[in-house]
Amino acid sequence: MTSEKRGNAVQRIRYQSVDGSHWGELEGGMIYELTSLMGRRSGHTLMLSEVSLLPPCEPRLIVCVGKNYAKHIREMGGDDLPKEPGLFLKGLNTLSGPGDPIPYPSWTSELHYEGELAVVIARTMKCVPVEEALEYVLGYTCACDVTARDKQQSDLQWVRAKSADGFCPVGPWLETDLDPTRLNVRTYVNGVLRQDGDTADMIFSVAEILSYISQHLTLQPGDLVLTGTPDGVGPLAIGDEVEVMIEGIGTLSNVVERAE
């Protein structure tokens, strides 16, 4: 779990310690506890090695964008580019954190990875114009939109395909000082590069996505938005390690396990 942007950068994290879950700022391996998601430092400090990282968000909504990279559309058998962002929701039961297992349910035979840039909202966002949209962002993180591809194709709706338990690992932290317009997005499976995209190739930019969502759904602090996956999606097997690495943020790592 590494970050390509260290130096004096400060990441915002959510973590579990002996006295419960907290928000904090990570700086040089030291955690400075925060009073809340948008709060100030409380004065309490501890080392990163003393805690377990949690998903760096507490969303009310998880909103996702499909078909936001042209090459991914083509690899899925499509040709026409969308005229507006295609939105779908993932249930809150899907949310998991860095190091948590990705469950492989018995009712699917085509579990796929989809590495994505994810956005966490800082303040209430309703009918916000594109040019102001990024002002509502708390930070950026890595996500894996786990998908049961066979059920996505066979079912009337994508509930099973996208919203089974644990189908949205997110982390490891939020990078709060980042330009999302040109970031390398890579996914590795067992150390082998499977996806190698760039947010510059998005059909709809992060600002356009957030503005569009805000015209239809009110986004609240902590809400999570997944911005689409580049080409290279593919199958997973039990025991596989999936790593989503995004330039300027770091690496989200999870291992596939048989679902109970």
C-alpha atoms as a PDB file:
ATOM      1  CA  MET A   1       0.000   0.000   0.000  1.00  0.00           C
ATOM      2  CA  THR A   2       2.103   2.830  -1.338  1.00  0.00           C
ATOM      3  CA  SER A   3       1.564   6.338  -2.595  1.00  0.00           C
ATOM      4  CA  GLU A   4       3.147   7.896  -5.651  1.00  0.00           C
ATOM      5  CA  LYS A   5       2.664  11.344  -4.142  1.00  0.00           C
ATOM      6  CA  ARG A   6       4.415  11.493  -0.783  1.00  0.00           C
ATOM      7  CA  GLY A   7       6.811  14.360  -0.030  1.00  0.00           C
ATOM      8  CA  ASN A   8       4.959  16.748   2.270  1.00  0.00           C
ATOM      9  CA  ALA A   9       1.527  15.580   1.071  1.00  0.00           C
ATOM     10  CA  VAL A  10      -1.138  14.972   3.704  1.00  0.00           C
ATOM     11  CA  GLN A  11      -3.697  12.248   3.097  1.00  0.00           C
ATOM     12  CA  ARG A  12      -7.060  12.131   4.854  1.00  0.00           C
ATOM     13  CA  ILE A  13      -7.862   8.684   6.237  1.00  0.00           C
ATOM     14  CA  ARG A  14     -10.524   6.838   8.173  1.00  0.00           C
ATOM     15  CA  TYR A  15      -9.207   4.231  10.561  1.00  0.00           C
ATOM     16  CA  GLN A  16     -10.054   1.757  13.312  1.00  0.00           C
ATOM     17  CA  SER A  17      -8.086   1.962  16.548  1.00  0.00           C
ATOM     18  CA  VAL A  18      -8.564   0.416  19.984  1.00  0.00           C
ATOM     19  CA  ASP A  19     -11.113   3.102  20.925  1.00  0.00           C
ATOM     20  CA  GLY A  20     -13.236   3.031  17.745  1.00  0.00           C
ATOM     21  CA  SER A  21     -13.272   4.508  14.262  1.00  0.00           C
ATOM     22  CA  HIS A  22     -11.943   7.978  13.530  1.00  0.00           C
ATOM     23  CA  TRP A  23     -10.979  10.395  10.789  1.00  0.00           C
ATOM     24  CA  GLY A  24      -7.400  11.565  10.620  1.00  0.00           C
ATOM     25  CA  GLU A  25      -4.681  13.139   8.543  1.00  0.00           C
ATOM     26  CA  LEU A  26      -1.690  11.004   7.602  1.00  0.00           C
ATOM     27  CA  GLU A  27       1.640  12.753   7.429  1.00  0.00           C
ATOM     28  CA  GLY A  28       4.946  10.910   7.258  1.00  0.00           C
ATOM     29  CA  GLY A  29       3.557   7.764   8.881  1.00  0.00           C
ATOM     30  CA  MET A  30       1.967   9.736  11.737  1.00  0.00           C
ATOM     31  CA  ILE A  31      -1.823  10.032  12.132  1.00  0.00           C
ATOM     32  CA  TYR A  32      -3.280  13.266  13.469  1.00  0.00           C
ATOM     33  CA  GLU A  33      -6.806  12.522  14.674  1.00  0.00           C
ATOM     34  CA  LEU A  34      -9.601  14.782  13.395  1.00  0.00           C
ATOM     35  CA  THR A  35     -12.761  15.680  15.273  1.00  0.00           C
ATOM     36  CA  SER A  36     -14.944  14.678  12.282  1.00  0.00           C
ATOM     37  CA  LEU A  37     -14.940  14.262   8.504  1.00  0.00           C
ATOM     38  CA  MET A  38     -14.514  18.007   7.978  1.00  0.00           C
ATOM     39  CA  GLY A  39     -13.177  18.744  11.467  1.00  0.00           C
ATOM     40  CA  ARG A  40      -9.936  20.000  12.962  1.00  0.00           C
ATOM     41  CA  ARG A  41      -7.069  18.096  14.531  1.00  0.00           C
ATOM     42  CA  SER A  42      -8.010  16.976  18.050  1.00  0.00           C
ATOM     43  CA  GLY A  43      -4.448  16.906  19.365  1.00  0.00           C
ATOM     44  CA  HIS A  44      -4.316  13.094  19.594  1.00  0.00           C
ATOM     45  CA  THR A  45      -1.682  11.333  17.471  1.00  0.00           C
ATOM     46  CA  LEU A  46      -0.691   7.740  16.760  1.00  0.00           C
ATOM     47  CA  MET A  47       1.298   5.742  14.243  1.00  0.00           C
ATOM     48  CA  LEU A  48      -0.160   4.258  11.065  1.00  0.00           C
ATOM     49  CA  SER A  49       1.167   0.853  12.153  1.00  0.00           C
ATOM     50  CA  GLU A  50      -1.155   0.961  15.194  1.00  0.00           C
ATOM     51  CA  VAL A  51      -4.426   1.090  13.231  1.00  0.00           C
ATOM     52  CA  SER A  52      -6.436  -0.606  10.490  1.00  0.00           C
ATOM     53  CA  LEU A  53      -7.510   1.514   7.550  1.00  0.00           C
ATOM     54  CA  LEU A  54     -11.237   1.771   6.772  1.00  0.00           C
ATOM     55  CA  PRO A  55     -12.922   2.997   3.583  1.00  0.00           C
ATOM     56  CA  PRO A  56     -12.109   6.747   3.446  1.00  0.00           C
ATOM     57  CA  CYS A  57     -15.762   7.751   3.221  1.00  0.00           C
ATOM     58  CA  GLU A  58     -19.075   7.312   5.025  1.00  0.00           C
ATOM     59  CA  PRO A  59     -21.484   7.656   2.109  1.00  0.00           C
ATOM     60  CA  ARG A  60     -25.231   8.027   1.988  1.00  0.00           C
ATOM     61  CA  LEU A  61     -25.044   7.292  -1.734  1.00  0.00           C
ATOM     62  CA  ILE A  62     -22.584   5.422  -3.952  1.00  0.00           C
ATOM     63  CA  VAL A  63     -23.114   6.735  -7.491  1.00  0.00           C
ATOM     64  CA  CYS A  64     -21.285   5.133 -10.416  1.00  0.00           C
ATOM     65  CA  VAL A  65     -20.762   6.033 -14.057  1.00  0.00           C
ATOM     66  CA  GLY A  66     -20.764   3.358 -16.749  1.00  0.00           C
ATOM     67  CA  LYS A  67     -19.197   3.547 -20.217  1.00  0.00           C
ATOM     68  CA  ASN A  68     -16.958   6.548 -19.608  1.00  0.00           C
ATOM     69  CA  TYR A  69     -13.934   5.381 -21.636  1.00  0.00           C
ATOM     70  CA  ALA A  70     -14.282   4.785 -25.387  1.00  0.00           C
ATOM     71  CA  LYS A  71     -11.933   1.781 -25.464  1.00  0.00           C
ATOM     72  CA  HIS A  72     -13.894   0.105 -22.671  1.00  0.00           C
ATOM     73  CA  ILE A  73     -17.117   0.629 -24.605  1.00  0.00           C
ATOM     74  CA  ARG A  74     -15.547  -1.095 -27.604  1.00  0.00           C
ATOM     75  CA  GLU A  75     -14.203  -4.018 -25.585  1.00  0.00           C
ATOM     76  CA  MET A  76     -17.725  -4.579 -24.243  1.00  0.00           C
ATOM     77  CA  GLY A  77     -19.072  -4.764 -27.801  1.00  0.00           C
ATOM     78  CA  GLY A  78     -20.386  -1.205 -28.186  1.00  0.00           C
ATOM     79  CA  ASP A  79     -19.606   1.490 -30.724  1.00  0.00           C
ATOM     80  CA  ASP A  80     -21.667   4.600 -29.956  1.00  0.00           C
ATOM     81  CA  LEU A  81     -20.411   7.043 -27.343  1.00  0.00           C
ATOM     82  CA  PRO A  82     -22.969   8.152 -24.739  1.00  0.00           C
ATOM     83  CA  LYS A  83     -24.467  11.628 -25.000  1.00  0.00           C
ATOM     84  CA  GLU A  84     -24.663  11.981 -21.210  1.00  0.00           C
ATOM     85  CA  PRO A  85     -23.214  10.078 -18.229  1.00  0.00           C
ATOM     86  CA  GLY A  86     -24.829   6.711 -17.612  1.00  0.00           C
ATOM     87  CA  LEU A  87     -25.502   6.474 -13.883  1.00  0.00           C
ATOM     88  CA  PHE A  88     -26.190   3.533 -11.606  1.00  0.00           C
ATOM     89  CA  LEU A  89     -26.071   2.995  -7.840  1.00  0.00           C
ATOM     90  CA  LYS A  90     -24.247   0.491  -5.690  1.00  0.00           C
ATOM     91  CA  GLY A  91     -25.705  -0.404  -2.292  1.00  0.00           C
ATOM     92  CA  LEU A  92     -23.983   0.678   0.905  1.00  0.00           C
ATOM     93  CA  ASN A  93     -23.497  -3.034   1.687  1.00  0.00           C
ATOM     94  CA  THR A  94     -20.896  -3.119  -1.096  1.00  0.00           C
ATOM     95  CA  LEU A  95     -18.494  -0.743   0.657  1.00  0.00           C
ATOM     96  CA  SER A  96     -15.251  -2.259   1.929  1.00  0.00           C
ATOM     97  CA  GLY A  97     -11.761  -1.023   2.639  1.00  0.00           C
ATOM     98  CA  PRO A  98      -8.111  -1.646   1.829  1.00  0.00           C
ATOM     99  CA  GLY A  99      -7.084  -5.202   2.633  1.00  0.00           C
ATOM    100  CA  ASP A 100     -10.667  -6.442   2.954  1.00  0.00           C
ATOM    101  CA  PRO A 101     -11.490  -9.576   0.952  1.00  0.00           C
ATOM    102  CA  ILE A 102     -13.398  -9.406  -2.327  1.00  0.00           C
ATOM    103  CA  PRO A 103     -16.059 -12.114  -1.994  1.00  0.00           C
ATOM    104  CA  TYR A 104     -16.627 -14.540  -4.883  1.00  0.00           C
ATOM    105  CA  PRO A 105     -20.304 -15.630  -4.602  1.00  0.00           C
ATOM    106  CA  SER A 106     -21.337 -19.132  -5.635  1.00  0.00           C
ATOM    107  CA  TRP A 107     -24.059 -17.780  -7.964  1.00  0.00           C
ATOM    108  CA  THR A 108     -21.636 -16.197 -10.450  1.00  0.00           C
ATOM    109  CA  SER A 109     -18.947 -17.708 -12.660  1.00  0.00           C
ATOM    110  CA  GLU A 110     -17.686 -14.401 -14.100  1.00  0.00           C
ATOM    111  CA  LEU A 111     -16.445 -12.110 -11.352  1.00  0.00           C
ATOM    112  CA  HIS A 112     -14.643  -9.138 -12.932  1.00  0.00           C
ATOM    113  CA  TYR A 113     -12.463  -6.266 -11.690  1.00  0.00           C
ATOM    114  CA  GLU A 114     -12.959  -2.650 -12.797  1.00  0.00           C
ATOM    115  CA  GLY A 115     -10.362  -0.213 -11.448  1.00  0.00           C
ATOM    116  CA  GLU A 116     -11.603   3.368 -11.133  1.00  0.00           C
ATOM    117  CA  LEU A 117     -10.879   6.851  -9.823  1.00  0.00           C
ATOM    118  CA  ALA A 118     -13.342   7.634  -7.035  1.00  0.00           C
ATOM    119  CA  VAL A 119     -14.422  10.993  -5.600  1.00  0.00           C
ATOM    120  CA  VAL A 120     -15.641  11.829  -2.088  1.00  0.00           C
ATOM    121  CA  ILE A 121     -17.899  14.855  -1.633  1.00  0.00           C
ATOM    122  CA  ALA A 122     -17.117  17.590   0.909  1.00  0.00           C
ATOM    123  CA  ARG A 123     -20.369  19.556   1.091  1.00  0.00           C
ATOM    124  CA  THR A 124     -23.963  19.442  -0.066  1.00  0.00           C
ATOM    125  CA  MET A 125     -24.097  19.552  -3.859  1.00  0.00           C
ATOM    126  CA  LYS A 126     -27.321  20.397  -5.687  1.00  0.00           C
ATOM    127  CA  CYS A 127     -27.607  21.801  -9.244  1.00  0.00           C
ATOM    128  CA  VAL A 128     -23.958  22.875  -9.350  1.00  0.00           C
ATOM    129  CA  PRO A 129     -22.512  24.127 -12.679  1.00  0.00           C
ATOM    130  CA  VAL A 130     -19.551  22.313 -14.219  1.00  0.00           C
ATOM    131  CA  GLU A 131     -17.133  25.170 -13.606  1.00  0.00           C
ATOM    132  CA  GLU A 132     -17.795  25.020  -9.843  1.00  0.00           C
ATOM    133  CA  ALA A 133     -18.105  21.255  -9.379  1.00  0.00           C
ATOM    134  CA  LEU A 134     -14.561  20.483  -8.222  1.00  0.00           C
ATOM    135  CA  GLU A 135     -14.965  22.975  -5.360  1.00  0.00           C
ATOM    136  CA  TYR A 136     -17.282  20.409  -3.728  1.00  0.00           C
ATOM    137  CA  VAL A 137     -14.688  17.606  -3.682  1.00  0.00           C
ATOM    138  CA  LEU A 138     -13.107  16.505  -0.416  1.00  0.00           C
ATOM    139  CA  GLY A 139     -10.633  14.167  -2.073  1.00  0.00           C
ATOM    140  CA  TYR A 140      -9.854  11.382  -4.509  1.00  0.00           C
ATOM    141  CA  THR A 141      -9.180   7.700  -3.930  1.00  0.00           C
ATOM    142  CA  CYS A 142      -8.955   4.313  -5.648  1.00  0.00           C
ATOM    143  CA  ALA A 143     -11.931   2.001  -6.123  1.00  0.00           C
ATOM    144  CA  CYS A 144     -12.695  -1.384  -7.644  1.00  0.00           C
ATOM    145  CA  ASP A 145     -16.188  -1.713  -9.111  1.00  0.00           C
ATOM    146  CA  VAL A 146     -16.458  -5.486  -8.664  1.00  0.00           C
ATOM    147  CA  THR A 147     -18.959  -6.904 -11.158  1.00  0.00           C
ATOM    148  CA  ALA A 148     -20.646 -10.264 -11.706  1.00  0.00           C
ATOM    149  CA  ARG A 149     -20.474  -9.951 -15.481  1.00  0.00           C
ATOM    150  CA  ASP A 150     -22.737 -12.909 -16.279  1.00  0.00           C
ATOM    151  CA  LYS A 151     -25.498 -11.467 -14.083  1.00  0.00           C
ATOM    152  CA  GLN A 152     -25.009  -8.000 -15.548  1.00  0.00           C
ATOM    153  CA  GLN A 153     -25.824  -9.522 -18.925  1.00  0.00           C
ATOM    154  CA  SER A 154     -28.635 -11.830 -17.839  1.00  0.00           C
ATOM    155  CA  ASP A 155     -30.554  -9.850 -15.205  1.00  0.00           C
ATOM    156  CA  LEU A 156     -33.183  -7.180 -15.857  1.00  0.00           C
ATOM    157  CA  GLN A 157     -31.438  -4.875 -13.353  1.00  0.00           C
ATOM    158  CA  TRP A 158     -27.835  -4.785 -12.089  1.00  0.00           C
ATOM    159  CA  VAL A 159     -28.579  -5.417  -8.402  1.00  0.00           C
ATOM    160  CA  ARG A 160     -26.807  -8.777  -8.202  1.00  0.00           C
ATOM    161  CA  ALA A 161     -24.136  -7.809 -10.714  1.00  0.00           C
ATOM    162  CA  LYS A 162     -23.046  -4.619  -8.953  1.00  0.00           C
ATOM    163  CA  SER A 163     -24.431  -4.599  -5.412  1.00  0.00           C
ATOM    164  CA  ALA A 164     -23.522  -7.876  -3.754  1.00  0.00           C
ATOM    165  CA  ASP A 165     -21.820  -7.637  -0.368  1.00  0.00           C
ATOM    166  CA  GLY A 166     -18.264  -6.313  -0.593  1.00  0.00           C
ATOM    167  CA  PHE A 167     -18.426  -5.370  -4.278  1.00  0.00           C
ATOM    168  CA  CYS A 168     -16.935  -1.872  -3.780  1.00  0.00           C
ATOM    169  CA  PRO A 169     -13.468  -1.800  -2.161  1.00  0.00           C
ATOM    170  CA  VAL A 170     -12.243   1.785  -1.711  1.00  0.00           C
ATOM    171  CA  GLY A 171      -9.002   3.278  -0.403  1.00  0.00           C
ATOM    172  CA  PRO A 172      -6.426   3.478   0.942  1.00  0.00           C
ATOM    173  CA  TRP A 173      -6.919   7.185   1.710  1.00  0.00           C
ATOM    174  CA  LEU A 174      -8.128  10.482   0.239  1.00  0.00           C
ATOM    175  CA  GLU A 175      -5.721  12.679  -1.642  1.00  0.00           C
ATOM    176  CA  THR A 176      -7.120  16.168  -1.093  1.00  0.00           C
ATOM    177  CA  ASP A 177      -4.733  18.166  -3.288  1.00  0.00           C
ATOM    178  CA  LEU A 178      -4.939  16.646  -6.752  1.00  0.00           C
ATOM    179  CA  ASP A 179      -5.868  17.584 -10.316  1.00  0.00           C
ATOM    180  CA  PRO A 180      -8.096  14.731 -11.586  1.00  0.00           C
ATOM    181  CA  THR A 181      -7.901  15.648 -15.261  1.00  0.00           C
ATOM    182  CA  ARG A 182      -4.824  13.612 -16.191  1.00  0.00           C
ATOM    183  CA  LEU A 183      -4.113  10.667 -13.889  1.00  0.00           C
ATOM    184  CA  ASN A 184      -2.819   7.223 -14.790  1.00  0.00           C
ATOM    185  CA  VAL A 185      -5.234   4.476 -13.641  1.00  0.00           C
ATOM    186  CA  ARG A 186      -3.777   0.961 -13.521  1.00  0.00           C
ATOM    187  CA  THR A 187      -5.090  -2.383 -12.314  1.00  0.00           C
ATOM    188  CA  TYR A 188      -2.847  -5.350 -11.569  1.00  0.00           C
ATOM    189  CA  VAL A 189      -3.972  -8.925 -10.918  1.00  0.00           C
ATOM    190  CA  ASN A 190      -1.310 -11.035  -9.180  1.00  0.00           C
ATOM    191  CA  GLY A 191       1.258  -8.439 -10.204  1.00  0.00           C
ATOM    192  CA  VAL A 192       0.341  -8.528 -13.904  1.00  0.00           C
ATOM    193  CA  LEU A 193      -0.805  -5.239 -15.457  1.00  0.00           C
ATOM    194  CA  ARG A 194      -4.365  -5.630 -16.785  1.00  0.00           C
ATOM    195  CA  GLN A 195      -5.635  -2.040 -17.085  1.00  0.00           C
ATOM    196  CA  ASP A 196      -3.579   1.022 -18.046  1.00  0.00           C
ATOM    197  CA  GLY A 197      -5.742   4.069 -18.632  1.00  0.00           C
ATOM    198  CA  ASP A 198      -5.683   7.813 -18.132  1.00  0.00           C
ATOM    199  CA  THR A 199      -8.436  10.077 -16.825  1.00  0.00           C
ATOM    200  CA  ALA A 200      -7.638  12.411 -19.740  1.00  0.00           C
ATOM    201  CA  ASP A 201      -9.404   9.810 -21.896  1.00  0.00           C
ATOM    202  CA  MET A 202     -12.679  10.041 -19.976  1.00  0.00           C
ATOM    203  CA  ILE A 203     -15.689  10.848 -22.154  1.00  0.00           C
ATOM    204  CA  PHE A 204     -17.081  12.950 -19.289  1.00  0.00           C
ATOM    205  CA  SER A 205     -14.656  14.681 -16.926  1.00  0.00           C
ATOM    206  CA  VAL A 206     -14.927  14.499 -13.148  1.00  0.00           C
ATOM    207  CA  ALA A 207     -16.383  18.016 -13.085  1.00  0.00           C
ATOM    208  CA  GLU A 208     -18.973  17.132 -15.736  1.00  0.00           C
ATOM    209  CA  ILE A 209     -19.936  13.939 -13.891  1.00  0.00           C
ATOM    210  CA  LEU A 210     -20.418  15.687 -10.552  1.00  0.00           C
ATOM    211  CA  SER A 211     -22.391  18.542 -12.076  1.00  0.00           C
ATOM    212  CA  TYR A 212     -24.611  16.100 -13.967  1.00  0.00           C
ATOM    213  CA  ILE A 213     -25.315  13.995 -10.877  1.00  0.00           C
ATOM    214  CA  SER A 214     -26.151  17.112  -8.867  1.00  0.00           C
ATOM    215  CA  GLN A 215     -28.910  18.013 -11.339  1.00  0.00           C
ATOM    216  CA  HIS A 216     -30.730  14.787 -10.436  1.00  0.00           C
ATOM    217  CA  LEU A 217     -29.505  13.653  -7.011  1.00  0.00           C
ATOM    218  CA  THR A 218     -28.413  15.787  -4.079  1.00  0.00           C
ATOM    219  CA  LEU A 219     -24.929  14.740  -3.017  1.00  0.00           C
ATOM    220  CA  GLN A 220     -24.040  15.050   0.669  1.00  0.00           C
ATOM    221  CA  PRO A 221     -20.700  15.164   2.536  1.00  0.00           C
ATOM    222  CA  GLY A 222     -19.084  11.736   2.448  1.00  0.00           C
ATOM    223  CA  ASP A 223     -20.975  10.516  -0.625  1.00  0.00           C
ATOM    224  CA  LEU A 224     -18.912   8.453  -3.052  1.00  0.00           C
ATOM    225  CA  VAL A 225     -18.787   8.773  -6.846  1.00  0.00           C
ATOM    226  CA  LEU A 226     -17.037   6.223  -9.103  1.00  0.00           C
ATOM    227  CA  THR A 227     -16.070   7.734 -12.441  1.00  0.00           C
ATOM    228  CA  GLY A 228     -15.848   4.739 -14.799  1.00  0.00           C
ATOM    229  CA  THR A 229     -13.247   2.162 -15.766  1.00  0.00           C
ATOM    230  CA  PRO A 230     -10.750   2.075 -18.646  1.00  0.00           C
ATOM    231  CA  ASP A 231     -10.400  -0.902 -20.971  1.00  0.00           C
ATOM    232  CA  GLY A 232      -8.764  -4.137 -19.857  1.00  0.00           C
ATOM    233  CA  VAL A 233     -11.462  -5.469 -17.516  1.00  0.00           C
ATOM    234  CA  GLY A 234     -11.425  -9.213 -17.000  1.00  0.00           C
ATOM    235  CA  PRO A 235     -12.111 -12.224 -14.798  1.00  0.00           C
ATOM    236  CA  LEU A 236     -10.966 -12.998 -11.288  1.00  0.00           C
ATOM    237  CA  ALA A 237     -10.391 -16.285  -9.483  1.00  0.00           C
ATOM    238  CA  ILE A 238     -10.358 -17.169  -5.809  1.00  0.00           C
ATOM    239  CA  GLY A 239      -6.946 -16.267  -4.393  1.00  0.00           C
ATOM    240  CA  ASP A 240      -6.228 -13.468  -6.874  1.00  0.00           C
ATOM    241  CA  GLU A 241      -4.766 -10.218  -5.533  1.00  0.00           C
ATOM    242  CA  VAL A 242      -6.236  -7.128  -7.170  1.00  0.00           C
ATOM    243  CA  GLU A 243      -4.329  -3.838  -6.989  1.00  0.00           C
ATOM    244  CA  VAL A 244      -5.790  -0.568  -8.249  1.00  0.00           C
ATOM    245  CA  MET A 245      -3.029   2.033  -8.526  1.00  0.00           C
ATOM    246  CA  ILE A 246      -3.772   5.668  -9.354  1.00  0.00           C
ATOM    247  CA  GLU A 247      -1.125   8.297  -9.955  1.00  0.00           C
ATOM    248  CA  GLY A 248      -0.864  10.796  -7.124  1.00  0.00           C
ATOM    249  CA  ILE A 249      -3.001   8.710  -4.756  1.00  0.00           C
ATOM    250  CA  GLY A 250      -1.598   5.254  -4.078  1.00  0.00           C
ATOM    251  CA  THR A 251      -2.596   1.602  -4.259  1.00  0.00           C
ATOM    252  CA  LEU A 252      -5.730  -0.232  -3.147  1.00  0.00           C
ATOM    253  CA  SER A 253      -5.053  -3.934  -2.602  1.00  0.00           C
ATOM    254  CA  ASN A 254      -7.626  -6.708  -2.013  1.00  0.00           C
ATOM    255  CA  VAL A 255      -7.614 -10.504  -2.327  1.00  0.00           C
ATOM    256  CA  VAL A 256     -10.490 -12.545  -3.760  1.00  0.00           C
ATOM    257  CA  GLU A 257     -11.978 -15.086  -1.344  1.00  0.00           C
ATOM    258  CA  ARG A 258     -14.836 -17.558  -1.588  1.00  0.00           C
ATOM    259  CA  ALA A 259     -17.980 -15.940  -0.207  1.00  0.00           C
ATOM    260  CA  GLU A 260     -19.424 -17.544   2.912  1.00  0.00           C
END
